[in-house]
Amino acid sequence: MYGDQERNRQRHAIEKLHLAVSTLVGAGGVRERLAEAYLRHLSAVSAKDFPEELREEYREIITTLSWEPVEYVGQGRVRSTLHAMSDEKAVLLARRLVGLYYDVVEYYFDGR
């Protein structure tokens, strides 16, 4: 059974992932929506906020969102990475994020 602190971190992750997924279904292009999802919500979440089995998937998503060096001053790694990413890859990344949200909710509600 989890302690209160760990359970609160997981609830925080669920809340932030929910908000990020909600951002993904908003207006604008998929790359812009991914940037907003990260900047407004996912940047406040750490891998340690997830159940151990799901931490690596979160790390991979964040790495995929931020691997490209900054192109322009003030742009940031996430926007630089998404600028270089195709729409097809951005859609796949958005789907991974939705899948992670589902996995976290399922894990949490299964009471593991």
C-alpha atoms as a PDB file:
ATOM      1  CA  MET A   1       0.000   0.000   0.000  1.00  0.00           C
ATOM      2  CA  TYR A   2       1.199   3.492  -0.756  1.00  0.00           C
ATOM      3  CA  GLY A   3       1.861   6.228   1.762  1.00  0.00           C
ATOM      4  CA  ASP A   4      -0.058   9.494   1.643  1.00  0.00           C
ATOM      5  CA  GLN A   5       2.814  11.406   0.055  1.00  0.00           C
ATOM      6  CA  GLU A   6       3.220   8.925  -2.791  1.00  0.00           C
ATOM      7  CA  ARG A   7      -0.550   8.722  -3.333  1.00  0.00           C
ATOM      8  CA  ASN A   8      -0.700  12.538  -3.502  1.00  0.00           C
ATOM      9  CA  ARG A   9       2.088  12.581  -6.116  1.00  0.00           C
ATOM     10  CA  GLN A  10       0.167  10.044  -8.189  1.00  0.00           C
ATOM     11  CA  ARG A  11      -3.032  12.091  -7.903  1.00  0.00           C
ATOM     12  CA  HIS A  12      -1.056  15.153  -8.990  1.00  0.00           C
ATOM     13  CA  ALA A  13       0.225  13.221 -12.022  1.00  0.00           C
ATOM     14  CA  ILE A  14      -3.298  12.098 -12.924  1.00  0.00           C
ATOM     15  CA  GLU A  15      -4.598  15.653 -12.661  1.00  0.00           C
ATOM     16  CA  LYS A  16      -1.790  17.081 -14.780  1.00  0.00           C
ATOM     17  CA  LEU A  17      -2.102  14.315 -17.372  1.00  0.00           C
ATOM     18  CA  HIS A  18      -5.849  14.913 -17.565  1.00  0.00           C
ATOM     19  CA  LEU A  19      -5.243  18.604 -18.196  1.00  0.00           C
ATOM     20  CA  ALA A  20      -2.573  17.787 -20.782  1.00  0.00           C
ATOM     21  CA  VAL A  21      -4.916  15.401 -22.611  1.00  0.00           C
ATOM     22  CA  SER A  22      -7.657  18.046 -22.487  1.00  0.00           C
ATOM     23  CA  THR A  23      -5.212  20.460 -24.113  1.00  0.00           C
ATOM     24  CA  LEU A  24      -4.544  17.943 -26.877  1.00  0.00           C
ATOM     25  CA  VAL A  25      -8.188  18.027 -27.978  1.00  0.00           C
ATOM     26  CA  GLY A  26      -8.278  21.835 -28.209  1.00  0.00           C
ATOM     27  CA  ALA A  27      -7.916  24.119 -31.199  1.00  0.00           C
ATOM     28  CA  GLY A  28      -4.716  24.471 -33.216  1.00  0.00           C
ATOM     29  CA  GLY A  29      -2.201  22.150 -34.785  1.00  0.00           C
ATOM     30  CA  VAL A  30      -1.097  19.010 -32.984  1.00  0.00           C
ATOM     31  CA  ARG A  31       2.440  20.282 -32.436  1.00  0.00           C
ATOM     32  CA  GLU A  32       1.210  23.513 -30.853  1.00  0.00           C
ATOM     33  CA  ARG A  33      -1.201  21.565 -28.650  1.00  0.00           C
ATOM     34  CA  LEU A  34       1.621  19.267 -27.524  1.00  0.00           C
ATOM     35  CA  ALA A  35       3.763  22.288 -26.670  1.00  0.00           C
ATOM     36  CA  GLU A  36       0.948  23.791 -24.617  1.00  0.00           C
ATOM     37  CA  ALA A  37       0.252  20.461 -22.902  1.00  0.00           C
ATOM     38  CA  TYR A  38       3.881  20.240 -21.856  1.00  0.00           C
ATOM     39  CA  LEU A  39       4.442  23.866 -20.914  1.00  0.00           C
ATOM     40  CA  ARG A  40       1.195  24.274 -18.968  1.00  0.00           C
ATOM     41  CA  HIS A  41       0.880  20.856 -17.378  1.00  0.00           C
ATOM     42  CA  LEU A  42       3.537  18.195 -17.932  1.00  0.00           C
ATOM     43  CA  SER A  43       6.459  20.376 -16.935  1.00  0.00           C
ATOM     44  CA  ALA A  44       5.038  20.300 -13.383  1.00  0.00           C
ATOM     45  CA  VAL A  45       5.197  16.488 -13.276  1.00  0.00           C
ATOM     46  CA  SER A  46       8.240  14.368 -12.482  1.00  0.00           C
ATOM     47  CA  ALA A  47       8.789  10.718 -13.323  1.00  0.00           C
ATOM     48  CA  LYS A  48       8.769   9.999  -9.579  1.00  0.00           C
ATOM     49  CA  ASP A  49       5.085  11.075  -9.537  1.00  0.00           C
ATOM     50  CA  PHE A  50       4.200   7.946 -11.502  1.00  0.00           C
ATOM     51  CA  PRO A  51       3.980   4.340 -10.412  1.00  0.00           C
ATOM     52  CA  GLU A  52       7.352   2.718 -10.918  1.00  0.00           C
ATOM     53  CA  GLU A  53       6.130   0.609 -13.861  1.00  0.00           C
ATOM     54  CA  LEU A  54       5.088   3.729 -15.808  1.00  0.00           C
ATOM     55  CA  ARG A  55       8.019   6.039 -15.115  1.00  0.00           C
ATOM     56  CA  GLU A  56      10.053   4.982 -18.125  1.00  0.00           C
ATOM     57  CA  GLU A  57       7.172   5.687 -20.527  1.00  0.00           C
ATOM     58  CA  TYR A  58       6.823   9.188 -19.069  1.00  0.00           C
ATOM     59  CA  ARG A  59      10.583   9.773 -19.371  1.00  0.00           C
ATOM     60  CA  GLU A  60      10.520   8.633 -23.006  1.00  0.00           C
ATOM     61  CA  ILE A  61       7.612  10.946 -23.831  1.00  0.00           C
ATOM     62  CA  ILE A  62       9.378  13.909 -22.236  1.00  0.00           C
ATOM     63  CA  THR A  63      12.654  13.041 -24.001  1.00  0.00           C
ATOM     64  CA  THR A  64      10.816  12.818 -27.327  1.00  0.00           C
ATOM     65  CA  LEU A  65       9.348  16.263 -26.623  1.00  0.00           C
ATOM     66  CA  SER A  66      12.667  17.895 -25.802  1.00  0.00           C
ATOM     67  CA  TRP A  67      15.627  16.287 -27.578  1.00  0.00           C
ATOM     68  CA  GLU A  68      16.242  18.975 -30.209  1.00  0.00           C
ATOM     69  CA  PRO A  69      18.679  21.812 -29.379  1.00  0.00           C
ATOM     70  CA  VAL A  70      17.212  25.315 -29.248  1.00  0.00           C
ATOM     71  CA  GLU A  71      17.123  26.954 -32.695  1.00  0.00           C
ATOM     72  CA  TYR A  72      16.248  30.506 -31.707  1.00  0.00           C
ATOM     73  CA  VAL A  73      16.818  32.485 -28.529  1.00  0.00           C
ATOM     74  CA  GLY A  74      13.741  32.220 -26.313  1.00  0.00           C
ATOM     75  CA  GLN A  75      12.266  29.300 -28.226  1.00  0.00           C
ATOM     76  CA  GLY A  76      13.031  26.521 -25.750  1.00  0.00           C
ATOM     77  CA  ARG A  77      13.823  22.864 -26.377  1.00  0.00           C
ATOM     78  CA  VAL A  78      10.189  21.709 -26.529  1.00  0.00           C
ATOM     79  CA  ARG A  79       9.121  24.186 -29.188  1.00  0.00           C
ATOM     80  CA  SER A  80      12.364  23.589 -31.093  1.00  0.00           C
ATOM     81  CA  THR A  81      11.792  19.830 -31.008  1.00  0.00           C
ATOM     82  CA  LEU A  82       8.160  20.106 -32.063  1.00  0.00           C
ATOM     83  CA  HIS A  83       9.104  22.480 -34.876  1.00  0.00           C
ATOM     84  CA  ALA A  84      11.446  19.795 -36.258  1.00  0.00           C
ATOM     85  CA  MET A  85       8.870  16.998 -35.757  1.00  0.00           C
ATOM     86  CA  SER A  86       6.479  15.890 -38.500  1.00  0.00           C
ATOM     87  CA  ASP A  87       2.743  16.033 -37.879  1.00  0.00           C
ATOM     88  CA  GLU A  88       2.640  12.235 -38.092  1.00  0.00           C
ATOM     89  CA  LYS A  89       5.215  11.851 -35.311  1.00  0.00           C
ATOM     90  CA  ALA A  90       3.432  14.497 -33.257  1.00  0.00           C
ATOM     91  CA  VAL A  91       0.156  12.576 -33.578  1.00  0.00           C
ATOM     92  CA  LEU A  92       1.889   9.381 -32.431  1.00  0.00           C
ATOM     93  CA  LEU A  93       3.370  11.239 -29.474  1.00  0.00           C
ATOM     94  CA  ALA A  94      -0.045  12.645 -28.554  1.00  0.00           C
ATOM     95  CA  ARG A  95      -1.448   9.097 -28.662  1.00  0.00           C
ATOM     96  CA  ARG A  96       1.324   7.898 -26.343  1.00  0.00           C
ATOM     97  CA  LEU A  97       0.422  10.651 -23.922  1.00  0.00           C
ATOM     98  CA  VAL A  98      -3.246   9.639 -23.977  1.00  0.00           C
ATOM     99  CA  GLY A  99      -2.193   6.014 -23.477  1.00  0.00           C
ATOM    100  CA  LEU A 100      -0.053   6.965 -20.493  1.00  0.00           C
ATOM    101  CA  TYR A 101      -2.977   8.826 -18.958  1.00  0.00           C
ATOM    102  CA  TYR A 102      -5.142   5.738 -19.368  1.00  0.00           C
ATOM    103  CA  ASP A 103      -2.442   3.505 -17.846  1.00  0.00           C
ATOM    104  CA  VAL A 104      -1.969   5.790 -14.835  1.00  0.00           C
ATOM    105  CA  VAL A 105      -5.698   5.993 -14.159  1.00  0.00           C
ATOM    106  CA  GLU A 106      -6.071   2.235 -14.534  1.00  0.00           C
ATOM    107  CA  TYR A 107      -3.136   1.618 -12.221  1.00  0.00           C
ATOM    108  CA  TYR A 108      -4.398   4.044  -9.620  1.00  0.00           C
ATOM    109  CA  PHE A 109      -7.973   2.753  -9.621  1.00  0.00           C
ATOM    110  CA  ASP A 110      -6.862  -0.873  -9.513  1.00  0.00           C
ATOM    111  CA  GLY A 111      -5.444   0.049  -6.117  1.00  0.00           C
ATOM    112  CA  ARG A 112      -1.943  -1.231  -6.704  1.00  0.00           C
END
